[in-house]
Structures are given as C-alpha cells and as structure tokens.
Amino acid sequence: MTDASQDDGQQESFISHLVELRSRLLRAASAVLIIFVALFIYPGASAIYDVLAQPMLASLPQGTRMIATGVITPFMVPVKVTMMAAFIIALPVVLYQAWAFVAPGLYKHEKRLALPLIVSSTLLFLAGMAFCYFVVFRTVFHFIATFAPQSITPAPDIEAYLSFVMTMFLAFGITFEVPVAVVLLVKMGVVELSKLKSARGYVVVGAFIIAAVVTPPDVVSQFMLALPLCLLYELGLVCARMVTPKPDPEEAGSGTLTERR
C-alpha cells in the first residue's frame, strides 16, 4: 500500500513537472510570436532583411543588388530573418522561463552562480553577433570583393546569404561564450586553473583549426574568429581566478603543522 502511494506521488510529481514545462514553453513561444507579429507589422520583414543585408550591399558594385532564385524565396527569407530577430529580442524572456523552471530544484549557492551565468552568457552571445555584424562582415565582404575579377559582377543569392549569416552568427556567438565555459569548468572542479593556464598553446592551435572549419576559406575571417577566441580564453582565466576561493593561510599552516606532528 505504501509503495503504491509512493508510485502515485512520483507520477503526480512527474506530471506536474510536465505541466510546468509546457506552461513555460508556451510563455516563451508566445513572447517570440508576439514580437514577431509586431516586427512583421512595423518596420516590416523587408526592412529588417535590408538591415541584415547592408554589410553585403556595401561591398557590391554601385547599383548591384542581391538575387533570389527561388519562387517563394523573396517572401520566406525576410520572414526567417524577422523570426530570428524576434527570438533575439525575446531571448531574456525565454531565458527567464528556463530559469524559472530550473530554479526550484537548485540549491542556494547554485542559484547564486546560475543567474549571473545566464545573464553573462546572453550578453556575450549578443556581443558575438554584434561583433560579427559590425566588424567581421564588413571586413570580410570588402576583402572578398577586392579579389573579384573585373569581368564578374557579384550578385549573391539571398537564401545562401542568410545561411552564411546564421552560420557566422552562431559561430561567433558560441565563441564569445568561452569565458563562461572556462569559469564553469573551474568552479565545478572539472579542471584546475593551473592546467588551463598551461594549455594556452593548445588553445591557440585549436582556435585556428576551429576558425578554418566554420569560417569562409580566407585568412581574414579565420584570423578574426581565432583572435577573439584566444583573447576570450584569457578573459575566462581571469574571471575564473576571481571566482576561485583562495586558500586560507591559517588553515594551510595548521594543515602543515598537523602533518609534521
């Protein structure tokens, strides 16, 4: 009888967690949908895509436009861009819903660590996207345009451009999360800070390998991804040193004295 009541209690708890999860997901999706509708009405999907395409258009010859090879591509691509913009704007709401679902099961010290990590990871991801848009795109597109032969008129396809932009946004957004990953590894005791410091050489080599894989095959874009990755790794080491508790000299001395005795 007791086992049956325990099973019923566990089942009710599991169902309540599923209901809570569904509620949080619906709230997050509703926030994204509301912002999407608002952006679709004003300033409009076409205007948002024009903003995204500005770095490419600035590198093209005067009077050249991008092309659309698909039948519904001129409609679908701006809609996808608007959805991406809506998700980015609604990201604080989405992360808050995730935090509200996970927080009841965390300890106090975990809550104190989790909330700053969520905020910092969000800001770093957005910073990575901004760096990619304002610095990398303009530099890389201009660099590529200088190598185009005079007999060729570049006219990029908007669907291919969107795929490229989303890949680069994701790559730089994840790259800017390196300090958070380093702090988590040290704080959770997975890796010691001294070992991460001694692995700097491997990190530099790995940064250029990752940049060569995820970026276009040109030196400029690879360097502009590898260099921030190395610098952010160093920033992560500094932050990890700040959050790592320093050993108490009195405790260390008493421990040494005990060992001697």
Protein backbone atom coordinates (compact mmCIF):
# COMPACT_ATOMS: atom_id res chain seq x y z
CA MET A 1 0.00 0.00 0.00
CA THR A 2 2.86 2.33 0.88
CA ASP A 3 4.74 1.50 -2.33
CA ALA A 4 1.60 2.19 -4.37
CA SER A 5 1.12 5.57 -2.71
CA GLN A 6 4.77 6.44 -3.36
CA ASP A 7 4.42 5.49 -7.01
CA ASP A 8 1.28 7.62 -7.27
CA GLY A 9 3.10 10.53 -5.67
CA GLN A 10 6.05 10.19 -8.07
CA GLN A 11 3.70 10.00 -11.04
CA GLU A 12 1.82 13.11 -9.90
CA SER A 13 5.12 14.93 -9.39
CA PHE A 14 6.28 13.92 -12.88
CA ILE A 15 3.01 15.08 -14.43
CA SER A 16 3.17 18.37 -12.55
CA HIS A 17 6.69 18.93 -13.90
CA LEU A 18 5.46 18.26 -17.44
CA VAL A 19 2.60 20.72 -16.97
CA GLU A 20 5.04 23.31 -15.64
CA LEU A 21 7.39 22.70 -18.57
CA ARG A 22 4.55 23.07 -21.05
CA SER A 23 3.46 26.30 -19.40
CA ARG A 24 6.97 27.75 -19.55
CA LEU A 25 7.43 26.74 -23.18
CA LEU A 26 4.10 28.29 -24.15
CA ARG A 27 5.02 31.55 -22.45
CA ALA A 28 8.39 31.65 -24.18
CA ALA A 29 6.87 30.82 -27.58
CA SER A 30 4.14 33.40 -27.04
CA ALA A 31 6.73 36.10 -26.35
CA VAL A 32 8.60 35.24 -29.55
CA LEU A 33 5.35 35.15 -31.56
CA ILE A 34 4.11 38.50 -30.22
CA ILE A 35 7.40 40.21 -31.04
CA PHE A 36 7.44 38.52 -34.47
CA VAL A 37 3.99 39.86 -35.29
CA ALA A 38 4.95 43.32 -34.08
CA LEU A 39 8.13 43.34 -36.19
CA PHE A 40 6.26 41.96 -39.19
CA ILE A 41 3.82 44.87 -38.98
CA TYR A 42 6.47 47.51 -38.27
CA PRO A 43 9.09 48.04 -39.58
CA GLY A 44 8.30 45.01 -41.74
CA ALA A 45 10.15 41.86 -42.78
CA SER A 46 11.66 43.51 -45.87
CA ALA A 47 13.12 46.41 -43.90
CA ILE A 48 14.65 44.02 -41.34
CA TYR A 49 16.25 41.97 -44.10
CA ASP A 50 17.63 45.15 -45.70
CA VAL A 51 19.39 45.93 -42.41
CA LEU A 52 20.85 42.42 -42.29
CA ALA A 53 21.98 42.66 -45.93
CA GLN A 54 23.60 46.08 -45.53
CA PRO A 55 27.18 44.79 -45.00
CA MET A 56 26.97 42.74 -48.20
CA LEU A 57 25.32 45.51 -50.21
CA ALA A 58 28.03 47.94 -49.12
CA SER A 59 30.70 45.71 -50.67
CA LEU A 60 28.92 45.19 -54.00
CA PRO A 61 29.48 47.47 -57.02
CA GLN A 62 27.29 50.54 -57.24
CA GLY A 63 23.78 49.66 -58.40
CA THR A 64 24.21 45.88 -57.88
CA ARG A 65 21.56 44.03 -55.92
CA MET A 66 21.23 40.58 -54.46
CA ILE A 67 19.15 37.98 -56.30
CA ALA A 68 16.52 35.39 -55.38
CA THR A 69 16.49 32.17 -57.41
CA GLY A 70 13.52 30.50 -55.68
CA VAL A 71 9.86 31.24 -56.37
CA ILE A 72 8.91 31.96 -52.75
CA THR A 73 12.39 32.94 -51.60
CA PRO A 74 11.69 36.72 -51.67
CA PHE A 75 8.95 36.09 -49.11
CA MET A 76 10.36 33.28 -46.98
CA VAL A 77 13.86 34.68 -46.40
CA PRO A 78 12.68 38.01 -44.89
CA VAL A 79 10.20 36.05 -42.76
CA LYS A 80 13.02 33.84 -41.44
CA VAL A 81 15.13 36.90 -40.69
CA THR A 82 12.22 38.50 -38.83
CA MET A 83 11.73 35.32 -36.80
CA MET A 84 15.43 35.32 -35.91
CA ALA A 85 15.22 38.96 -34.83
CA ALA A 86 12.11 38.22 -32.74
CA PHE A 87 13.88 35.34 -30.99
CA ILE A 88 16.89 37.52 -30.20
CA ILE A 89 14.72 40.31 -28.78
CA ALA A 90 12.66 37.80 -26.76
CA LEU A 91 15.76 35.98 -25.53
CA PRO A 92 15.58 37.49 -21.99
CA VAL A 93 12.00 36.22 -21.64
CA VAL A 94 12.96 32.78 -22.97
CA LEU A 95 15.89 32.50 -20.59
CA TYR A 96 13.79 33.70 -17.68
CA GLN A 97 11.23 30.96 -18.35
CA ALA A 98 14.04 28.40 -18.44
CA TRP A 99 15.43 29.82 -15.19
CA ALA A 100 12.01 29.79 -13.51
CA PHE A 101 11.58 26.11 -14.42
CA VAL A 102 15.01 25.01 -13.19
CA ALA A 103 15.41 27.31 -10.14
CA PRO A 104 13.16 25.40 -7.67
CA GLY A 105 15.44 22.37 -7.92
CA LEU A 106 18.68 24.25 -7.27
CA TYR A 107 20.49 24.92 -4.01
CA LYS A 108 21.09 28.47 -2.84
CA HIS A 109 24.74 28.52 -3.89
CA GLU A 110 23.77 27.12 -7.29
CA LYS A 111 21.15 29.83 -7.73
CA ARG A 112 23.74 32.49 -6.90
CA LEU A 113 26.00 31.08 -9.61
CA ALA A 114 23.36 30.23 -12.23
CA LEU A 115 21.70 33.62 -12.56
CA PRO A 116 24.93 35.59 -13.28
CA LEU A 117 25.98 32.90 -15.73
CA ILE A 118 22.68 33.13 -17.61
CA VAL A 119 22.89 36.91 -17.82
CA SER A 120 26.56 36.94 -18.81
CA SER A 121 26.15 34.18 -21.40
CA THR A 122 23.25 36.06 -23.00
CA LEU A 123 25.19 39.32 -23.17
CA LEU A 124 28.28 37.56 -24.53
CA PHE A 125 26.28 35.78 -27.23
CA LEU A 126 24.72 39.07 -28.33
CA ALA A 127 28.15 40.71 -28.23
CA GLY A 128 29.48 37.97 -30.51
CA MET A 129 26.68 38.57 -33.01
CA ALA A 130 27.26 42.34 -32.89
CA PHE A 131 30.99 41.90 -33.43
CA CYS A 132 30.27 39.62 -36.37
CA TYR A 133 27.82 42.08 -37.96
CA PHE A 134 29.65 45.37 -37.44
CA VAL A 135 33.26 44.22 -37.79
CA VAL A 136 33.63 40.81 -39.41
CA PHE A 137 31.04 41.11 -42.19
CA ARG A 138 32.19 44.50 -43.39
CA THR A 139 35.85 43.49 -43.33
CA VAL A 140 35.40 40.06 -44.92
CA PHE A 141 32.99 41.18 -47.65
CA HIS A 142 35.25 44.07 -48.60
CA PHE A 143 38.26 41.74 -48.65
CA ILE A 144 36.45 39.25 -50.89
CA ALA A 145 35.17 42.00 -53.20
CA THR A 146 38.72 43.21 -53.86
CA PHE A 147 39.60 39.76 -55.26
CA ALA A 148 36.64 39.60 -57.66
CA PRO A 149 37.77 39.83 -61.31
CA GLN A 150 36.59 42.83 -63.27
CA SER A 151 34.80 40.50 -65.71
CA ILE A 152 32.49 39.20 -62.94
CA THR A 153 29.51 41.02 -61.44
CA PRO A 154 28.85 39.60 -57.96
CA ALA A 155 25.14 39.00 -57.26
CA PRO A 156 24.77 36.81 -54.15
CA ASP A 157 21.61 34.78 -53.63
CA ILE A 158 19.62 35.93 -50.59
CA GLU A 159 18.96 32.39 -49.35
CA ALA A 160 22.66 31.50 -49.48
CA TYR A 161 23.45 34.79 -47.77
CA LEU A 162 21.01 34.04 -44.95
CA SER A 163 22.53 30.60 -44.45
CA PHE A 164 26.01 32.13 -44.32
CA VAL A 165 24.93 34.86 -41.89
CA MET A 166 23.24 32.43 -39.49
CA THR A 167 26.29 30.16 -39.52
CA MET A 168 28.60 33.06 -38.74
CA PHE A 169 26.30 34.45 -36.05
CA LEU A 170 26.19 31.06 -34.37
CA ALA A 171 29.96 30.59 -34.64
CA PHE A 172 30.81 33.98 -33.14
CA GLY A 173 28.03 33.77 -30.55
CA ILE A 174 29.35 30.43 -29.28
CA THR A 175 32.94 31.71 -29.45
CA PHE A 176 32.09 34.58 -27.12
CA GLU A 177 30.79 32.02 -24.58
CA VAL A 178 34.34 30.81 -23.89
CA PRO A 179 34.75 32.82 -20.64
CA VAL A 180 31.55 31.28 -19.26
CA ALA A 181 32.75 27.78 -20.17
CA VAL A 182 36.13 28.36 -18.52
CA VAL A 183 34.54 29.68 -15.31
CA LEU A 184 32.16 26.72 -15.16
CA LEU A 185 34.96 24.19 -15.65
CA VAL A 186 36.99 25.72 -12.82
CA LYS A 187 34.08 26.40 -10.48
CA MET A 188 32.71 22.86 -10.81
CA GLY A 189 36.15 21.36 -10.22
CA VAL A 190 36.33 19.65 -13.61
CA VAL A 191 39.69 21.21 -14.49
CA GLU A 192 42.19 23.06 -12.33
CA LEU A 193 43.04 26.63 -13.22
CA SER A 194 46.74 25.82 -13.45
CA LYS A 195 46.07 23.18 -16.11
CA LEU A 196 44.01 25.62 -18.17
CA LYS A 197 46.85 28.13 -18.00
CA SER A 198 49.35 25.53 -19.18
CA ALA A 199 47.06 24.64 -22.13
CA ARG A 200 47.33 28.06 -23.79
CA GLY A 201 49.37 26.72 -26.70
CA TYR A 202 46.83 24.03 -27.48
CA VAL A 203 44.04 26.60 -27.28
CA VAL A 204 45.73 28.81 -29.86
CA VAL A 205 46.17 25.91 -32.27
CA GLY A 206 42.60 24.73 -31.65
CA ALA A 207 41.25 28.26 -32.19
CA PHE A 208 42.77 28.48 -35.67
CA ILE A 209 41.57 24.97 -36.53
CA ILE A 210 38.01 25.83 -35.47
CA ALA A 211 38.19 29.12 -37.38
CA ALA A 212 39.35 27.30 -40.50
CA VAL A 213 36.38 24.92 -40.28
CA VAL A 214 33.49 27.30 -39.55
CA THR A 215 34.54 30.41 -41.48
CA PRO A 216 34.97 31.03 -45.22
CA PRO A 217 38.29 29.95 -46.73
CA ASP A 218 40.02 33.29 -46.35
CA VAL A 219 42.69 34.37 -43.93
CA VAL A 220 40.87 37.50 -42.72
CA SER A 221 37.73 35.79 -41.39
CA GLN A 222 39.73 32.94 -39.87
CA PHE A 223 42.00 35.37 -38.05
CA MET A 224 39.04 37.47 -36.87
CA LEU A 225 37.48 34.41 -35.24
CA ALA A 226 40.67 32.84 -33.85
CA LEU A 227 41.99 36.04 -32.24
CA PRO A 228 38.83 36.80 -30.17
CA LEU A 229 38.71 33.14 -29.16
CA CYS A 230 42.22 33.34 -27.70
CA LEU A 231 41.54 36.69 -26.01
CA LEU A 232 38.26 35.45 -24.54
CA TYR A 233 40.04 32.37 -23.22
CA GLU A 234 42.42 34.66 -21.35
CA LEU A 235 39.43 36.64 -20.06
CA GLY A 236 37.90 33.39 -18.84
CA LEU A 237 41.09 32.59 -16.94
CA VAL A 238 40.98 35.99 -15.25
CA CYS A 239 37.31 35.56 -14.30
CA ALA A 240 37.96 32.01 -13.07
CA ARG A 241 40.77 33.29 -10.86
CA MET A 242 38.37 35.84 -9.36
CA VAL A 243 35.65 33.29 -8.54
CA THR A 244 38.03 30.62 -7.24
CA PRO A 245 38.28 30.85 -3.44
CA LYS A 246 41.80 31.44 -2.21
CA PRO A 247 43.14 29.01 0.41
CA ASP A 248 43.21 30.36 3.94
CA PRO A 249 46.84 30.78 5.10
CA GLU A 250 45.92 29.82 8.67
CA GLU A 251 44.27 26.60 7.51
CA ALA A 252 47.21 25.82 5.25
CA GLY A 253 49.62 26.42 8.16
CA SER A 254 47.62 24.30 10.57
CA GLY A 255 47.46 21.53 7.99
CA THR A 256 51.22 21.61 7.55
CA LEU A 257 51.73 21.60 11.32
CA THR A 258 49.43 18.60 11.70
CA GLU A 259 51.31 16.70 9.01
CA ARG A 260 54.60 17.39 10.79
CA ARG A 261 53.18 16.09 14.06
